[in-house]
Amino acid sequence: MTPGRPGTGRIAELPPEDRPREKLVARGADALTDEELVAVLLGTGRAGAGVLETAREVLRGSGLRGLLARSERGRLRELARGVGLAKACRLAAAGELARRLARAEAEERPLIDAPEAAGAYLCTALAAELREVMGALLLDAKNRLVRDEVVFRGGVTSAAVQPGPLFRIAVLEGAAGLVLYHNHPSGDPTPSPEDRATTARFVAAGEAVGVPVRDHVVVGRGRWFSFRREGLI
């Protein structure tokens, strides 16, 4: 850095022990803190701030979950106001890769033969979801996953979701049964009275078309609730 000239906040200008990229190369990505990983993605800090300080500001308050929320469609410019559009796009791309990887890893375990298997699958598949999601795991006669069908993402109460479209897809896919699911972004998977009413409505629809609802799993933050395990289905 030229004497008397303000720094750009580039990682290369940091002391060697404070350079996240060098630390990543030497020790692996899992050795970096959340702040350091974000700093690697940013590359440089905002005007008047170093890259690690900028990374701290990006994560301040709500951490990685908040960062994922701000990288969603419609909120990208909110993130860009702090770091610029190019950096915001890099962060958004990394967030989307995380979501896709979580779902891909979940799909490698397609046998859904018990509430524990459904809970494990869904906790992984929905780990990065910040909005409410409702869907169903369509299963074949041997309880293997045929399709993970999302009914809606955010903005609609589960009581307003009609069973018809989901069961039409289930019949076309030749599903022998399904596991209904939705998440509670609040983190508490305890079903509400509305959840119980929705479950009863979908169970009745499944009986009518010959595609039984084998379970309804509500996913919280690292926890889940199974209607089947609790004797409610």
Protein backbone atom coordinates (compact mmCIF):
# COMPACT_ATOMS: atom_id res chain seq x y z
CA MET A 1 0.00 0.00 0.00
CA THR A 2 1.35 3.46 -0.91
CA PRO A 3 2.10 5.59 2.22
CA GLY A 4 -0.57 8.23 2.88
CA ARG A 5 -3.04 6.55 0.55
CA PRO A 6 -6.18 4.95 2.00
CA GLY A 7 -6.46 1.20 1.68
CA THR A 8 -8.96 -0.45 -0.64
CA GLY A 9 -9.86 -3.12 1.85
CA ARG A 10 -8.43 -5.85 -0.35
CA ILE A 11 -7.60 -9.15 1.33
CA ALA A 12 -4.06 -8.97 -0.10
CA GLU A 13 -3.40 -5.87 2.01
CA LEU A 14 -4.09 -7.70 5.26
CA PRO A 15 -1.29 -9.25 7.36
CA PRO A 16 -0.68 -12.87 6.25
CA GLU A 17 -2.28 -14.33 9.38
CA ASP A 18 -5.47 -12.34 8.70
CA ARG A 19 -5.90 -13.33 5.04
CA PRO A 20 -8.88 -15.68 4.70
CA ARG A 21 -7.86 -16.94 1.27
CA GLU A 22 -4.42 -17.98 2.46
CA LYS A 23 -6.00 -19.61 5.51
CA LEU A 24 -8.43 -21.46 3.24
CA VAL A 25 -5.60 -22.77 1.06
CA ALA A 26 -3.48 -23.81 4.05
CA ARG A 27 -6.18 -25.28 6.28
CA GLY A 28 -9.30 -25.84 4.17
CA ALA A 29 -12.59 -23.97 3.93
CA ASP A 30 -13.97 -25.62 7.07
CA ALA A 31 -11.28 -23.81 9.14
CA LEU A 32 -12.73 -20.39 8.25
CA THR A 33 -15.33 -18.54 10.29
CA ASP A 34 -18.59 -17.39 8.66
CA GLU A 35 -17.12 -13.89 8.54
CA GLU A 36 -13.96 -15.09 6.77
CA LEU A 37 -15.93 -17.12 4.21
CA VAL A 38 -18.04 -14.06 3.37
CA ALA A 39 -14.83 -12.00 3.12
CA VAL A 40 -13.45 -14.44 0.52
CA LEU A 41 -16.63 -14.02 -1.53
CA LEU A 42 -16.51 -10.23 -1.23
CA GLY A 43 -12.82 -9.94 -2.16
CA THR A 44 -12.69 -6.28 -1.16
CA GLY A 45 -14.39 -4.14 1.46
CA ARG A 46 -16.72 -1.24 0.91
CA ALA A 47 -15.33 2.30 0.69
CA GLY A 48 -13.58 3.21 3.91
CA ALA A 49 -13.77 -0.26 5.45
CA GLY A 50 -11.69 -3.40 5.29
CA VAL A 51 -13.02 -6.62 3.85
CA LEU A 52 -13.38 -8.37 7.22
CA GLU A 53 -15.19 -5.36 8.66
CA THR A 54 -17.53 -5.36 5.65
CA ALA A 55 -18.16 -9.08 6.10
CA ARG A 56 -19.03 -8.47 9.75
CA GLU A 57 -21.51 -5.78 8.69
CA VAL A 58 -23.12 -8.12 6.15
CA LEU A 59 -23.63 -10.80 8.82
CA ARG A 60 -24.53 -8.45 11.67
CA GLY A 61 -27.85 -9.10 13.37
CA SER A 62 -29.17 -12.20 11.64
CA GLY A 63 -26.05 -14.08 10.51
CA LEU A 64 -26.08 -16.51 7.61
CA ARG A 65 -29.86 -16.99 7.69
CA GLY A 66 -30.36 -13.25 7.28
CA LEU A 67 -27.83 -13.19 4.46
CA LEU A 68 -29.74 -15.96 2.66
CA ALA A 69 -32.97 -14.02 3.09
CA ARG A 70 -31.48 -10.88 1.57
CA SER A 71 -30.09 -12.86 -1.38
CA GLU A 72 -33.58 -13.97 -2.45
CA ARG A 73 -35.39 -12.47 -5.42
CA GLY A 74 -36.77 -9.05 -4.64
CA ARG A 75 -34.33 -8.35 -1.79
CA LEU A 76 -31.05 -8.44 -3.69
CA ARG A 77 -30.87 -4.65 -4.01
CA GLU A 78 -31.30 -4.38 -0.24
CA LEU A 79 -28.09 -6.38 0.12
CA ALA A 80 -26.42 -4.43 -2.69
CA ARG A 81 -26.94 -1.13 -0.86
CA GLY A 82 -24.28 -2.22 1.63
CA VAL A 83 -21.71 -3.90 -0.63
CA GLY A 84 -22.56 -3.06 -4.25
CA LEU A 85 -24.44 -5.09 -6.85
CA ALA A 86 -21.51 -7.22 -8.06
CA LYS A 87 -20.65 -8.42 -4.54
CA ALA A 88 -24.32 -8.93 -3.72
CA CYS A 89 -24.65 -11.17 -6.79
CA ARG A 90 -21.69 -13.28 -5.64
CA LEU A 91 -23.25 -13.70 -2.21
CA ALA A 92 -26.64 -14.53 -3.74
CA ALA A 93 -25.07 -17.15 -6.03
CA ALA A 94 -23.30 -18.76 -3.07
CA GLY A 95 -26.58 -18.85 -1.13
CA GLU A 96 -28.42 -20.53 -4.00
CA LEU A 97 -25.64 -23.12 -4.36
CA ALA A 98 -26.06 -23.90 -0.64
CA ARG A 99 -29.81 -24.40 -1.10
CA ARG A 100 -29.33 -26.68 -4.12
CA LEU A 101 -26.60 -28.70 -2.41
CA ALA A 102 -28.80 -29.24 0.65
CA ARG A 103 -31.62 -30.58 -1.50
CA ALA A 104 -29.27 -32.71 -3.64
CA GLU A 105 -27.78 -34.30 -0.53
CA ALA A 106 -31.25 -35.06 0.78
CA GLU A 107 -32.21 -36.75 -2.47
CA GLU A 108 -29.37 -39.25 -2.02
CA ARG A 109 -31.43 -40.84 0.79
CA PRO A 110 -34.66 -41.68 -1.04
CA LEU A 111 -36.05 -44.43 1.24
CA ILE A 112 -38.82 -42.85 3.36
CA ASP A 113 -40.06 -45.83 5.37
CA ALA A 114 -40.51 -44.26 8.83
CA PRO A 115 -41.12 -40.87 10.45
CA GLU A 116 -37.42 -40.71 11.36
CA ALA A 117 -36.42 -41.10 7.70
CA ALA A 118 -38.90 -38.42 6.61
CA GLY A 119 -37.74 -36.08 9.37
CA ALA A 120 -34.07 -36.51 8.51
CA TYR A 121 -34.70 -35.98 4.79
CA LEU A 122 -36.82 -32.88 5.31
CA CYS A 123 -34.56 -31.25 7.92
CA THR A 124 -31.78 -31.39 5.32
CA ALA A 125 -33.91 -30.42 2.32
CA LEU A 126 -35.51 -27.45 4.08
CA ALA A 127 -32.50 -26.30 6.08
CA ALA A 128 -31.93 -23.20 3.93
CA GLU A 129 -35.59 -22.25 3.52
CA LEU A 130 -36.48 -18.95 5.19
CA ARG A 131 -40.08 -18.76 3.98
CA GLU A 132 -42.86 -21.22 4.71
CA VAL A 133 -42.85 -24.11 2.26
CA MET A 134 -45.51 -26.78 1.86
CA GLY A 135 -45.19 -29.91 -0.23
CA ALA A 136 -45.28 -33.68 -0.32
CA LEU A 137 -42.88 -36.57 -0.72
CA LEU A 138 -44.49 -38.84 -3.32
CA LEU A 139 -43.63 -42.46 -2.59
CA ASP A 140 -43.82 -45.74 -4.49
CA ALA A 141 -45.14 -49.03 -3.07
CA LYS A 142 -41.75 -49.71 -1.42
CA ASN A 143 -41.63 -46.27 0.25
CA ARG A 144 -38.97 -44.97 -2.10
CA LEU A 145 -39.09 -41.33 -3.10
CA VAL A 146 -40.67 -40.76 -6.49
CA ARG A 147 -40.80 -36.97 -6.38
CA ASP A 148 -40.49 -34.11 -3.91
CA GLU A 149 -43.35 -31.83 -4.96
CA VAL A 150 -43.55 -28.29 -3.55
CA VAL A 151 -47.11 -26.94 -3.40
CA PHE A 152 -46.29 -23.37 -2.40
CA ARG A 153 -43.53 -21.15 -1.03
CA GLY A 154 -44.55 -18.33 1.31
CA GLY A 155 -47.37 -15.83 1.15
CA VAL A 156 -50.23 -18.33 1.36
CA THR A 157 -51.63 -19.99 4.46
CA SER A 158 -51.68 -23.78 4.39
CA ALA A 159 -55.45 -23.67 4.98
CA ALA A 160 -55.84 -21.99 1.58
CA VAL A 161 -53.95 -24.72 -0.30
CA GLN A 162 -56.29 -27.10 -2.08
CA PRO A 163 -55.48 -30.84 -2.24
CA GLY A 164 -56.59 -31.24 -5.88
CA PRO A 165 -53.43 -30.10 -7.73
CA LEU A 166 -51.13 -32.15 -5.49
CA PHE A 167 -53.14 -35.36 -5.84
CA ARG A 168 -53.42 -34.93 -9.61
CA ILE A 169 -49.61 -34.95 -9.75
CA ALA A 170 -49.47 -37.91 -7.36
CA VAL A 171 -51.83 -39.92 -9.58
CA LEU A 172 -49.90 -39.02 -12.75
CA GLU A 173 -46.63 -40.06 -11.08
CA GLY A 174 -48.15 -43.36 -10.01
CA ALA A 175 -47.50 -42.65 -6.32
CA ALA A 176 -48.68 -45.31 -3.87
CA GLY A 177 -48.77 -42.81 -1.00
CA LEU A 178 -47.29 -39.53 0.16
CA VAL A 179 -45.85 -37.72 3.15
CA LEU A 180 -47.22 -34.21 3.46
CA TYR A 181 -44.81 -31.63 4.87
CA HIS A 182 -44.34 -27.98 5.66
CA ASN A 183 -41.90 -25.92 7.69
CA HIS A 184 -42.24 -23.36 10.46
CA PRO A 185 -39.59 -20.66 9.86
CA SER A 186 -40.02 -19.62 13.50
CA GLY A 187 -38.16 -22.81 14.43
CA ASP A 188 -40.90 -24.44 16.54
CA PRO A 189 -42.41 -27.48 14.72
CA THR A 190 -45.43 -27.78 17.02
CA PRO A 191 -48.49 -28.03 14.73
CA SER A 192 -51.13 -25.34 14.97
CA PRO A 193 -54.90 -25.98 14.90
CA GLU A 194 -54.77 -24.87 11.26
CA ASP A 195 -52.08 -27.50 10.56
CA ARG A 196 -54.30 -30.17 12.10
CA ALA A 197 -57.29 -29.08 10.01
CA THR A 198 -55.18 -29.03 6.84
CA THR A 199 -53.92 -32.53 7.61
CA ALA A 200 -57.47 -33.87 8.00
CA ARG A 201 -58.47 -32.26 4.69
CA PHE A 202 -55.55 -33.82 2.80
CA VAL A 203 -56.05 -37.22 4.46
CA ALA A 204 -59.68 -37.24 3.31
CA ALA A 205 -58.66 -36.24 -0.24
CA GLY A 206 -56.03 -38.98 -0.33
CA GLU A 207 -58.54 -41.62 0.73
CA ALA A 208 -60.91 -40.45 -2.00
CA VAL A 209 -58.35 -40.88 -4.81
CA GLY A 210 -56.52 -43.92 -3.43
CA VAL A 211 -53.24 -42.17 -2.58
CA PRO A 212 -53.06 -42.28 1.22
CA VAL A 213 -51.33 -39.58 3.26
CA ARG A 214 -48.92 -41.67 5.32
CA ASP A 215 -47.68 -38.81 7.46
CA HIS A 216 -47.52 -35.05 7.83
CA VAL A 217 -44.14 -33.80 9.00
CA VAL A 218 -43.72 -30.27 10.33
CA VAL A 219 -40.11 -29.06 10.25
CA GLY A 220 -38.65 -26.45 12.58
CA ARG A 221 -35.04 -25.44 13.06
CA GLY A 222 -33.25 -28.78 13.45
CA ARG A 223 -36.46 -30.34 14.87
CA TRP A 224 -39.52 -31.96 13.39
CA PHE A 225 -42.99 -33.20 14.37
CA SER A 226 -44.59 -36.30 12.84
CA PHE A 227 -48.39 -36.69 12.89
CA ARG A 228 -47.92 -40.42 12.34
CA ARG A 229 -45.47 -40.87 15.20
CA GLU A 230 -47.84 -39.04 17.53
CA GLY A 231 -50.77 -41.23 16.47
CA LEU A 232 -52.60 -38.39 14.72
CA ILE A 233 -52.72 -40.20 11.34
